[in-house]
Amino acid sequence: MPDDLGPEEITDVLEQLFTGERAVYAPEGEAPYTLVGGVEEVIEGRLVRFVLSHPGLLRDREVSLFLQIDGVVGELWEHEVRNLLRLRMLGIPRCR
């Protein structure tokens, strides 16, 4: 697809969200996350997986990040998130 993000753009997105000085999702008042290893493109330009580390975490976090989702795909994702939040509110135990 011509509008897929390339490796440089994906790196920019990760910096904006997690690893940059002004990362949107960095822990408040603390250093940003650190990327552990590389970024795996599961679906080229659309879905990436990576691992984040931070001194405040007991364990590293594996993250799946969907890129450029909109339209029907975006609506499906929002539906999935709502269902996961409902399960969380019901106290459904997590798989370990």
PDB file of N, CA and C in Angstrom:
ATOM      1  N   MET A   1       0.845  -1.178   0.000  1.00  0.00           N
ATOM      2  CA  MET A   1       0.000   0.000   0.000  1.00  0.00           C
ATOM      3  C   MET A   1       0.884   1.233   0.000  1.00  0.00           C
ATOM      4  N   PRO A   2       0.577   2.209  -0.801  1.00  0.00           N
ATOM      5  CA  PRO A   2       1.453   3.365  -0.930  1.00  0.00           C
ATOM      6  C   PRO A   2       1.537   4.234   0.316  1.00  0.00           C
ATOM      7  N   ASP A   3       0.519   4.220   1.190  1.00  0.00           N
ATOM      8  CA  ASP A   3       0.560   5.080   2.371  1.00  0.00           C
ATOM      9  C   ASP A   3       1.081   4.364   3.614  1.00  0.00           C
ATOM     10  N   ASP A   4       1.637   3.153   3.452  1.00  0.00           N
ATOM     11  CA  ASP A   4       2.234   2.448   4.584  1.00  0.00           C
ATOM     12  C   ASP A   4       3.415   3.242   5.117  1.00  0.00           C
ATOM     13  N   LEU A   5       3.656   3.121   6.408  1.00  0.00           N
ATOM     14  CA  LEU A   5       4.802   3.786   7.015  1.00  0.00           C
ATOM     15  C   LEU A   5       6.050   2.948   6.815  1.00  0.00           C
ATOM     16  N   GLY A   6       7.157   3.607   6.521  1.00  0.00           N
ATOM     17  CA  GLY A   6       8.433   2.930   6.401  1.00  0.00           C
ATOM     18  C   GLY A   6       9.123   2.862   7.752  1.00  0.00           C
ATOM     19  N   PRO A   7      10.287   2.204   7.828  1.00  0.00           N
ATOM     20  CA  PRO A   7      11.003   2.060   9.100  1.00  0.00           C
ATOM     21  C   PRO A   7      11.327   3.395   9.785  1.00  0.00           C
ATOM     22  N   GLU A   8      11.690   4.403   9.019  1.00  0.00           N
ATOM     23  CA  GLU A   8      12.024   5.703   9.620  1.00  0.00           C
ATOM     24  C   GLU A   8      10.797   6.352  10.251  1.00  0.00           C
ATOM     25  N   GLU A   9       9.660   6.264   9.543  1.00  0.00           N
ATOM     26  CA  GLU A   9       8.435   6.850  10.079  1.00  0.00           C
ATOM     27  C   GLU A   9       7.957   6.092  11.317  1.00  0.00           C
ATOM     28  N   ILE A  10       8.137   4.773  11.323  1.00  0.00           N
ATOM     29  CA  ILE A  10       7.756   3.976  12.495  1.00  0.00           C
ATOM     30  C   ILE A  10       8.611   4.378  13.691  1.00  0.00           C
ATOM     31  N   THR A  11       9.899   4.571  13.468  1.00  0.00           N
ATOM     32  CA  THR A  11      10.789   5.028  14.540  1.00  0.00           C
ATOM     33  C   THR A  11      10.328   6.377  15.076  1.00  0.00           C
ATOM     34  N   ASP A  12       9.938   7.281  14.183  1.00  0.00           N
ATOM     35  CA  ASP A  12       9.435   8.594  14.600  1.00  0.00           C
ATOM     36  C   ASP A  12       8.180   8.464  15.461  1.00  0.00           C
ATOM     37  N   VAL A  13       7.272   7.568  15.073  1.00  0.00           N
ATOM     38  CA  VAL A  13       6.046   7.358  15.838  1.00  0.00           C
ATOM     39  C   VAL A  13       6.374   6.830  17.237  1.00  0.00           C
ATOM     40  N   LEU A  14       7.288   5.866  17.318  1.00  0.00           N
ATOM     41  CA  LEU A  14       7.665   5.316  18.628  1.00  0.00           C
ATOM     42  C   LEU A  14       8.280   6.385  19.520  1.00  0.00           C
ATOM     43  N   GLU A  15       9.100   7.249  18.938  1.00  0.00           N
ATOM     44  CA  GLU A  15       9.686   8.337  19.717  1.00  0.00           C
ATOM     45  C   GLU A  15       8.615   9.298  20.215  1.00  0.00           C
ATOM     46  N   GLN A  16       7.661   9.629  19.354  1.00  0.00           N
ATOM     47  CA  GLN A  16       6.591  10.548  19.755  1.00  0.00           C
ATOM     48  C   GLN A  16       5.729   9.946  20.861  1.00  0.00           C
ATOM     49  N   LEU A  17       5.509   8.648  20.795  1.00  0.00           N
ATOM     50  CA  LEU A  17       4.604   8.019  21.758  1.00  0.00           C
ATOM     51  C   LEU A  17       5.284   7.521  23.029  1.00  0.00           C
ATOM     52  N   PHE A  18       6.474   6.927  22.907  1.00  0.00           N
ATOM     53  CA  PHE A  18       7.055   6.213  24.047  1.00  0.00           C
ATOM     54  C   PHE A  18       8.491   6.578  24.419  1.00  0.00           C
ATOM     55  N   THR A  19       9.375   6.780  23.459  1.00  0.00           N
ATOM     56  CA  THR A  19      10.805   6.817  23.769  1.00  0.00           C
ATOM     57  C   THR A  19      11.460   8.184  23.642  1.00  0.00           C
ATOM     58  N   GLY A  20      10.779   9.171  23.115  1.00  0.00           N
ATOM     59  CA  GLY A  20      11.366  10.495  22.934  1.00  0.00           C
ATOM     60  C   GLY A  20      11.301  11.334  24.196  1.00  0.00           C
ATOM     61  N   GLU A  21      12.019  12.444  24.189  1.00  0.00           N
ATOM     62  CA  GLU A  21      12.051  13.351  25.346  1.00  0.00           C
ATOM     63  C   GLU A  21      10.655  13.836  25.739  1.00  0.00           C
ATOM     64  N   ARG A  22       9.790  14.042  24.757  1.00  0.00           N
ATOM     65  CA  ARG A  22       8.428  14.522  25.028  1.00  0.00           C
ATOM     66  C   ARG A  22       7.387  13.463  24.661  1.00  0.00           C
ATOM     67  N   ALA A  23       7.702  12.230  24.957  1.00  0.00           N
ATOM     68  CA  ALA A  23       6.818  11.112  24.606  1.00  0.00           C
ATOM     69  C   ALA A  23       5.458  11.262  25.282  1.00  0.00           C
ATOM     70  N   VAL A  24       4.409  11.091  24.505  1.00  0.00           N
ATOM     71  CA  VAL A  24       3.038  11.251  24.987  1.00  0.00           C
ATOM     72  C   VAL A  24       2.713  10.241  26.087  1.00  0.00           C
ATOM     73  N   TYR A  25       3.186   8.995  25.941  1.00  0.00           N
ATOM     74  CA  TYR A  25       2.844   7.942  26.892  1.00  0.00           C
ATOM     75  C   TYR A  25       3.994   7.554  27.806  1.00  0.00           C
ATOM     76  N   ALA A  26       4.941   8.442  28.006  1.00  0.00           N
ATOM     77  CA  ALA A  26       6.005   8.190  28.981  1.00  0.00           C
ATOM     78  C   ALA A  26       5.424   8.349  30.385  1.00  0.00           C
ATOM     79  N   PRO A  27       5.977   7.656  31.356  1.00  0.00           N
ATOM     80  CA  PRO A  27       5.497   7.835  32.729  1.00  0.00           C
ATOM     81  C   PRO A  27       5.620   9.304  33.140  1.00  0.00           C
ATOM     82  N   GLU A  28       4.574   9.829  33.742  1.00  0.00           N
ATOM     83  CA  GLU A  28       4.535  11.248  34.097  1.00  0.00           C
ATOM     84  C   GLU A  28       5.660  11.628  35.058  1.00  0.00           C
ATOM     85  N   GLY A  29       6.401  12.655  34.682  1.00  0.00           N
ATOM     86  CA  GLY A  29       7.473  13.168  35.524  1.00  0.00           C
ATOM     87  C   GLY A  29       8.721  12.305  35.553  1.00  0.00           C
ATOM     88  N   GLU A  30       8.803  11.305  34.690  1.00  0.00           N
ATOM     89  CA  GLU A  30       9.953  10.401  34.672  1.00  0.00           C
ATOM     90  C   GLU A  30      10.555  10.332  33.278  1.00  0.00           C
ATOM     91  N   ALA A  31      11.664   9.643  33.172  1.00  0.00           N
ATOM     92  CA  ALA A  31      12.309   9.433  31.873  1.00  0.00           C
ATOM     93  C   ALA A  31      11.387   8.615  30.974  1.00  0.00           C
ATOM     94  N   PRO A  32      11.533   8.751  29.664  1.00  0.00           N
ATOM     95  CA  PRO A  32      10.708   7.943  28.761  1.00  0.00           C
ATOM     96  C   PRO A  32      11.119   6.471  28.787  1.00  0.00           C
ATOM     97  N   TYR A  33      10.332   5.651  28.139  1.00  0.00           N
ATOM     98  CA  TYR A  33      10.655   4.240  28.003  1.00  0.00           C
ATOM     99  C   TYR A  33      11.887   4.065  27.121  1.00  0.00           C
ATOM    100  N   THR A  34      12.508   2.904  27.234  1.00  0.00           N
ATOM    101  CA  THR A  34      13.634   2.533  26.385  1.00  0.00           C
ATOM    102  C   THR A  34      13.218   1.354  25.525  1.00  0.00           C
ATOM    103  N   LEU A  35      13.530   1.434  24.247  1.00  0.00           N
ATOM    104  CA  LEU A  35      13.232   0.347  23.325  1.00  0.00           C
ATOM    105  C   LEU A  35      14.265  -0.756  23.528  1.00  0.00           C
ATOM    106  N   VAL A  36      13.795  -1.981  23.745  1.00  0.00           N
ATOM    107  CA  VAL A  36      14.671  -3.134  23.940  1.00  0.00           C
ATOM    108  C   VAL A  36      14.670  -3.929  22.636  1.00  0.00           C
ATOM    109  N   GLY A  37      15.808  -4.036  21.998  1.00  0.00           N
ATOM    110  CA  GLY A  37      15.871  -4.768  20.731  1.00  0.00           C
ATOM    111  C   GLY A  37      15.287  -3.962  19.596  1.00  0.00           C
ATOM    112  N   GLY A  38      14.852  -4.661  18.577  1.00  0.00           N
ATOM    113  CA  GLY A  38      14.329  -4.002  17.386  1.00  0.00           C
ATOM    114  C   GLY A  38      12.817  -4.006  17.346  1.00  0.00           C
ATOM    115  N   VAL A  39      12.322  -3.511  16.233  1.00  0.00           N
ATOM    116  CA  VAL A  39      10.884  -3.448  15.991  1.00  0.00           C
ATOM    117  C   VAL A  39      10.542  -4.496  14.937  1.00  0.00           C
ATOM    118  N   GLU A  40       9.580  -5.352  15.255  1.00  0.00           N
ATOM    119  CA  GLU A  40       9.147  -6.387  14.314  1.00  0.00           C
ATOM    120  C   GLU A  40       7.899  -5.888  13.594  1.00  0.00           C
ATOM    121  N   GLU A  41       7.957  -5.856  12.274  1.00  0.00           N
ATOM    122  CA  GLU A  41       6.782  -5.492  11.488  1.00  0.00           C
ATOM    123  C   GLU A  41       5.973  -6.761  11.226  1.00  0.00           C
ATOM    124  N   VAL A  42       4.866  -6.902  11.922  1.00  0.00           N
ATOM    125  CA  VAL A  42       4.011  -8.075  11.772  1.00  0.00           C
ATOM    126  C   VAL A  42       3.225  -7.961  10.465  1.00  0.00           C
ATOM    127  N   ILE A  43       2.645  -6.785  10.235  1.00  0.00           N
ATOM    128  CA  ILE A  43       1.999  -6.462   8.970  1.00  0.00           C
ATOM    129  C   ILE A  43       2.672  -5.185   8.491  1.00  0.00           C
ATOM    130  N   GLU A  44       3.370  -5.279   7.399  1.00  0.00           N
ATOM    131  CA  GLU A  44       4.206  -4.176   6.926  1.00  0.00           C
ATOM    132  C   GLU A  44       3.446  -2.847   6.905  1.00  0.00           C
ATOM    133  N   GLY A  45       3.992  -1.882   7.664  1.00  0.00           N
ATOM    134  CA  GLY A  45       3.423  -0.547   7.708  1.00  0.00           C
ATOM    135  C   GLY A  45       2.124  -0.413   8.477  1.00  0.00           C
ATOM    136  N   ARG A  46       1.633  -1.509   9.069  1.00  0.00           N
ATOM    137  CA  ARG A  46       0.335  -1.474   9.755  1.00  0.00           C
ATOM    138  C   ARG A  46       0.373  -1.960  11.199  1.00  0.00           C
ATOM    139  N   LEU A  47       1.136  -3.007  11.470  1.00  0.00           N
ATOM    140  CA  LEU A  47       1.179  -3.579  12.814  1.00  0.00           C
ATOM    141  C   LEU A  47       2.622  -3.899  13.161  1.00  0.00           C
ATOM    142  N   VAL A  48       3.087  -3.325  14.270  1.00  0.00           N
ATOM    143  CA  VAL A  48       4.453  -3.578  14.719  1.00  0.00           C
ATOM    144  C   VAL A  48       4.428  -4.079  16.159  1.00  0.00           C
ATOM    145  N   ARG A  49       5.456  -4.849  16.522  1.00  0.00           N
ATOM    146  CA  ARG A  49       5.635  -5.321  17.904  1.00  0.00           C
ATOM    147  C   ARG A  49       7.028  -4.942  18.350  1.00  0.00           C
ATOM    148  N   PHE A  50       7.122  -4.598  19.630  1.00  0.00           N
ATOM    149  CA  PHE A  50       8.406  -4.217  20.199  1.00  0.00           C
ATOM    150  C   PHE A  50       8.322  -4.354  21.710  1.00  0.00           C
ATOM    151  N   VAL A  51       9.465  -4.231  22.364  1.00  0.00           N
ATOM    152  CA  VAL A  51       9.532  -4.365  23.825  1.00  0.00           C
ATOM    153  C   VAL A  51      10.032  -3.048  24.409  1.00  0.00           C
ATOM    154  N   LEU A  52       9.349  -2.589  25.455  1.00  0.00           N
ATOM    155  CA  LEU A  52       9.736  -1.368  26.151  1.00  0.00           C
ATOM    156  C   LEU A  52      10.210  -1.704  27.562  1.00  0.00           C
ATOM    157  N   SER A  53      11.196  -0.949  28.001  1.00  0.00           N
ATOM    158  CA  SER A  53      11.727  -1.110  29.352  1.00  0.00           C
ATOM    159  C   SER A  53      11.688   0.241  30.056  1.00  0.00           C
ATOM    160  N   HIS A  54      11.595   0.186  31.380  1.00  0.00           N
ATOM    161  CA  HIS A  54      11.627   1.405  32.195  1.00  0.00           C
ATOM    162  C   HIS A  54      12.025   1.004  33.603  1.00  0.00           C
ATOM    163  N   PRO A  55      12.847   1.823  34.277  1.00  0.00           N
ATOM    164  CA  PRO A  55      13.261   1.471  35.636  1.00  0.00           C
ATOM    165  C   PRO A  55      12.095   1.282  36.604  1.00  0.00           C
ATOM    166  N   GLY A  56      10.971   1.930  36.344  1.00  0.00           N
ATOM    167  CA  GLY A  56       9.814   1.813  37.229  1.00  0.00           C
ATOM    168  C   GLY A  56       8.989   0.553  37.016  1.00  0.00           C
ATOM    169  N   LEU A  57       9.344  -0.251  36.029  1.00  0.00           N
ATOM    170  CA  LEU A  57       8.608  -1.480  35.743  1.00  0.00           C
ATOM    171  C   LEU A  57       9.312  -2.685  36.335  1.00  0.00           C
ATOM    172  N   LEU A  58       8.547  -3.633  36.835  1.00  0.00           N
ATOM    173  CA  LEU A  58       9.140  -4.869  37.330  1.00  0.00           C
ATOM    174  C   LEU A  58       9.640  -5.724  36.177  1.00  0.00           C
ATOM    175  N   ARG A  59       8.899  -5.691  35.059  1.00  0.00           N
ATOM    176  CA  ARG A  59       9.270  -6.460  33.867  1.00  0.00           C
ATOM    177  C   ARG A  59       9.118  -5.587  32.634  1.00  0.00           C
ATOM    178  N   ASP A  60       9.819  -5.949  31.583  1.00  0.00           N
ATOM    179  CA  ASP A  60       9.654  -5.266  30.304  1.00  0.00           C
ATOM    180  C   ASP A  60       8.242  -5.514  29.785  1.00  0.00           C
ATOM    181  N   ARG A  61       7.782  -4.622  28.927  1.00  0.00           N
ATOM    182  CA  ARG A  61       6.444  -4.734  28.356  1.00  0.00           C
ATOM    183  C   ARG A  61       6.528  -4.972  26.854  1.00  0.00           C
ATOM    184  N   GLU A  62       5.855  -6.019  26.387  1.00  0.00           N
ATOM    185  CA  GLU A  62       5.758  -6.258  24.949  1.00  0.00           C
ATOM    186  C   GLU A  62       4.542  -5.486  24.444  1.00  0.00           C
ATOM    187  N   VAL A  63       4.751  -4.709  23.400  1.00  0.00           N
ATOM    188  CA  VAL A  63       3.702  -3.829  22.886  1.00  0.00           C
ATOM    189  C   VAL A  63       3.413  -4.167  21.431  1.00  0.00           C
ATOM    190  N   SER A  64       2.137  -4.234  21.084  1.00  0.00           N
ATOM    191  CA  SER A  64       1.699  -4.326  19.687  1.00  0.00           C
ATOM    192  C   SER A  64       1.064  -2.987  19.362  1.00  0.00           C
ATOM    193  N   LEU A  65       1.497  -2.369  18.289  1.00  0.00           N
ATOM    194  CA  LEU A  65       1.016  -1.045  17.918  1.00  0.00           C
ATOM    195  C   LEU A  65       0.455  -1.085  16.507  1.00  0.00           C
ATOM    196  N   PHE A  66      -0.817  -0.746  16.394  1.00  0.00           N
ATOM    197  CA  PHE A  66      -1.462  -0.660  15.088  1.00  0.00           C
ATOM    198  C   PHE A  66      -1.238   0.744  14.548  1.00  0.00           C
ATOM    199  N   LEU A  67      -0.854   0.837  13.286  1.00  0.00           N
ATOM    200  CA  LEU A  67      -0.566   2.111  12.657  1.00  0.00           C
ATOM    201  C   LEU A  67      -1.607   2.419  11.597  1.00  0.00           C
ATOM    202  N   GLN A  68      -1.997   3.661  11.529  1.00  0.00           N
ATOM    203  CA  GLN A  68      -2.898   4.162  10.489  1.00  0.00           C
ATOM    204  C   GLN A  68      -4.172   3.330  10.340  1.00  0.00           C
ATOM    205  N   ILE A  69      -4.851   3.084  11.449  1.00  0.00           N
ATOM    206  CA  ILE A  69      -6.125   2.374  11.338  1.00  0.00           C
ATOM    207  C   ILE A  69      -7.246   3.397  11.386  1.00  0.00           C
ATOM    208  N   ASP A  70      -8.144   3.274  10.465  1.00  0.00           N
ATOM    209  CA  ASP A  70      -9.302   4.156  10.413  1.00  0.00           C
ATOM    210  C   ASP A  70     -10.435   3.416   9.714  1.00  0.00           C
ATOM    211  N   GLY A  71     -11.531   4.079   9.533  1.00  0.00           N
ATOM    212  CA  GLY A  71     -12.668   3.451   8.868  1.00  0.00           C
ATOM    213  C   GLY A  71     -13.166   2.244   9.641  1.00  0.00           C
ATOM    214  N   VAL A  72     -13.516   1.191   8.924  1.00  0.00           N
ATOM    215  CA  VAL A  72     -14.072  -0.020   9.526  1.00  0.00           C
ATOM    216  C   VAL A  72     -13.066  -0.667  10.474  1.00  0.00           C
ATOM    217  N   VAL A  73     -11.805  -0.685  10.086  1.00  0.00           N
ATOM    218  CA  VAL A  73     -10.783  -1.306  10.945  1.00  0.00           C
ATOM    219  C   VAL A  73     -10.688  -0.564  12.268  1.00  0.00           C
ATOM    220  N   GLY A  74     -10.727   0.755  12.216  1.00  0.00           N
ATOM    221  CA  GLY A  74     -10.688   1.551  13.439  1.00  0.00           C
ATOM    222  C   GLY A  74     -11.890   1.271  14.331  1.00  0.00           C
ATOM    223  N   GLU A  75     -13.057   1.132  13.717  1.00  0.00           N
ATOM    224  CA  GLU A  75     -14.268   0.823  14.484  1.00  0.00           C
ATOM    225  C   GLU A  75     -14.178  -0.550  15.139  1.00  0.00           C
ATOM    226  N   LEU A  76     -13.621  -1.545  14.418  1.00  0.00           N
ATOM    227  CA  LEU A  76     -13.441  -2.876  14.997  1.00  0.00           C
ATOM    228  C   LEU A  76     -12.489  -2.827  16.185  1.00  0.00           C
ATOM    229  N   TRP A  77     -11.415  -2.065  16.042  1.00  0.00           N
ATOM    230  CA  TRP A  77     -10.451  -1.948  17.134  1.00  0.00           C
ATOM    231  C   TRP A  77     -11.099  -1.293  18.359  1.00  0.00           C
ATOM    232  N   GLU A  78     -11.859  -0.230  18.152  1.00  0.00           N
ATOM    233  CA  GLU A  78     -12.538   0.432  19.267  1.00  0.00           C
ATOM    234  C   GLU A  78     -13.508  -0.532  19.961  1.00  0.00           C
ATOM    235  N   HIS A  79     -14.203  -1.343  19.185  1.00  0.00           N
ATOM    236  CA  HIS A  79     -15.115  -2.352  19.738  1.00  0.00           C
ATOM    237  C   HIS A  79     -14.342  -3.347  20.601  1.00  0.00           C
ATOM    238  N   GLU A  80     -13.189  -3.799  20.108  1.00  0.00           N
ATOM    239  CA  GLU A  80     -12.348  -4.745  20.857  1.00  0.00           C
ATOM    240  C   GLU A  80     -11.889  -4.138  22.181  1.00  0.00           C
ATOM    241  N   VAL A  81     -11.460  -2.887  22.141  1.00  0.00           N
ATOM    242  CA  VAL A  81     -10.991  -2.221  23.359  1.00  0.00           C
ATOM    243  C   VAL A  81     -12.131  -2.097  24.363  1.00  0.00           C
ATOM    244  N   ARG A  82     -13.312  -1.719  23.896  1.00  0.00           N
ATOM    245  CA  ARG A  82     -14.465  -1.621  24.808  1.00  0.00           C
ATOM    246  C   ARG A  82     -14.753  -2.967  25.474  1.00  0.00           C
ATOM    247  N   ASN A  83     -14.677  -4.047  24.702  1.00  0.00           N
ATOM    248  CA  ASN A  83     -14.909  -5.380  25.281  1.00  0.00           C
ATOM    249  C   ASN A  83     -13.854  -5.735  26.315  1.00  0.00           C
ATOM    250  N   LEU A  84     -12.609  -5.423  26.023  1.00  0.00           N
ATOM    251  CA  LEU A  84     -11.542  -5.702  26.991  1.00  0.00           C
ATOM    252  C   LEU A  84     -11.733  -4.897  28.273  1.00  0.00           C
ATOM    253  N   LEU A  85     -12.164  -3.654  28.146  1.00  0.00           N
ATOM    254  CA  LEU A  85     -12.413  -2.832  29.333  1.00  0.00           C
ATOM    255  C   LEU A  85     -13.583  -3.386  30.151  1.00  0.00           C
ATOM    256  N   ARG A  86     -14.602  -3.876  29.475  1.00  0.00           N
ATOM    257  CA  ARG A  86     -15.728  -4.497  30.190  1.00  0.00           C
ATOM    258  C   ARG A  86     -15.263  -5.717  30.984  1.00  0.00           C
ATOM    259  N   LEU A  87     -14.457  -6.552  30.346  1.00  0.00           N
ATOM    260  CA  LEU A  87     -13.934  -7.738  31.044  1.00  0.00           C
ATOM    261  C   LEU A  87     -13.122  -7.336  32.258  1.00  0.00           C
ATOM    262  N   ARG A  88     -12.345  -6.299  32.101  1.00  0.00           N
ATOM    263  CA  ARG A  88     -11.529  -5.821  33.224  1.00  0.00           C
ATOM    264  C   ARG A  88     -12.417  -5.365  34.375  1.00  0.00           C
ATOM    265  N   MET A  89     -13.499  -4.634  34.060  1.00  0.00           N
ATOM    266  CA  MET A  89     -14.398  -4.150  35.101  1.00  0.00           C
ATOM    267  C   MET A  89     -15.114  -5.299  35.806  1.00  0.00           C
ATOM    268  N   LEU A  90     -15.340  -6.387  35.067  1.00  0.00           N
ATOM    269  CA  LEU A  90     -15.995  -7.552  35.671  1.00  0.00           C
ATOM    270  C   LEU A  90     -15.039  -8.375  36.534  1.00  0.00           C
ATOM    271  N   GLY A  91     -13.756  -8.042  36.468  1.00  0.00           N
ATOM    272  CA  GLY A  91     -12.777  -8.747  37.283  1.00  0.00           C
ATOM    273  C   GLY A  91     -12.391 -10.100  36.716  1.00  0.00           C
ATOM    274  N   ILE A  92     -12.528 -10.260  35.415  1.00  0.00           N
ATOM    275  CA  ILE A  92     -12.138 -11.520  34.786  1.00  0.00           C
ATOM    276  C   ILE A  92     -10.637 -11.709  34.999  1.00  0.00           C
ATOM    277  N   PRO A  93     -10.223 -12.841  35.550  1.00  0.00           N
ATOM    278  CA  PRO A  93      -8.781 -13.042  35.812  1.00  0.00           C
ATOM    279  C   PRO A  93      -7.975 -13.076  34.532  1.00  0.00           C
ATOM    280  N   ARG A  94      -6.762 -12.587  34.641  1.00  0.00           N
ATOM    281  CA  ARG A  94      -5.838 -12.596  33.506  1.00  0.00           C
ATOM    282  C   ARG A  94      -5.181 -13.953  33.380  1.00  0.00           C
ATOM    283  N   CYS A  95      -4.829 -14.290  32.156  1.00  0.00           N
ATOM    284  CA  CYS A  95      -4.034 -15.510  31.922  1.00  0.00           C
ATOM    285  C   CYS A  95      -2.618 -15.241  32.409  1.00  0.00           C
ATOM    286  N   ARG A  96      -2.021 -16.209  33.025  1.00  0.00           N
ATOM    287  CA  ARG A  96      -0.645 -16.015  33.526  1.00  0.00           C
ATOM    288  C   ARG A  96       0.275 -16.995  32.870  1.00  0.00           C
TER     289      ARG A  96
END
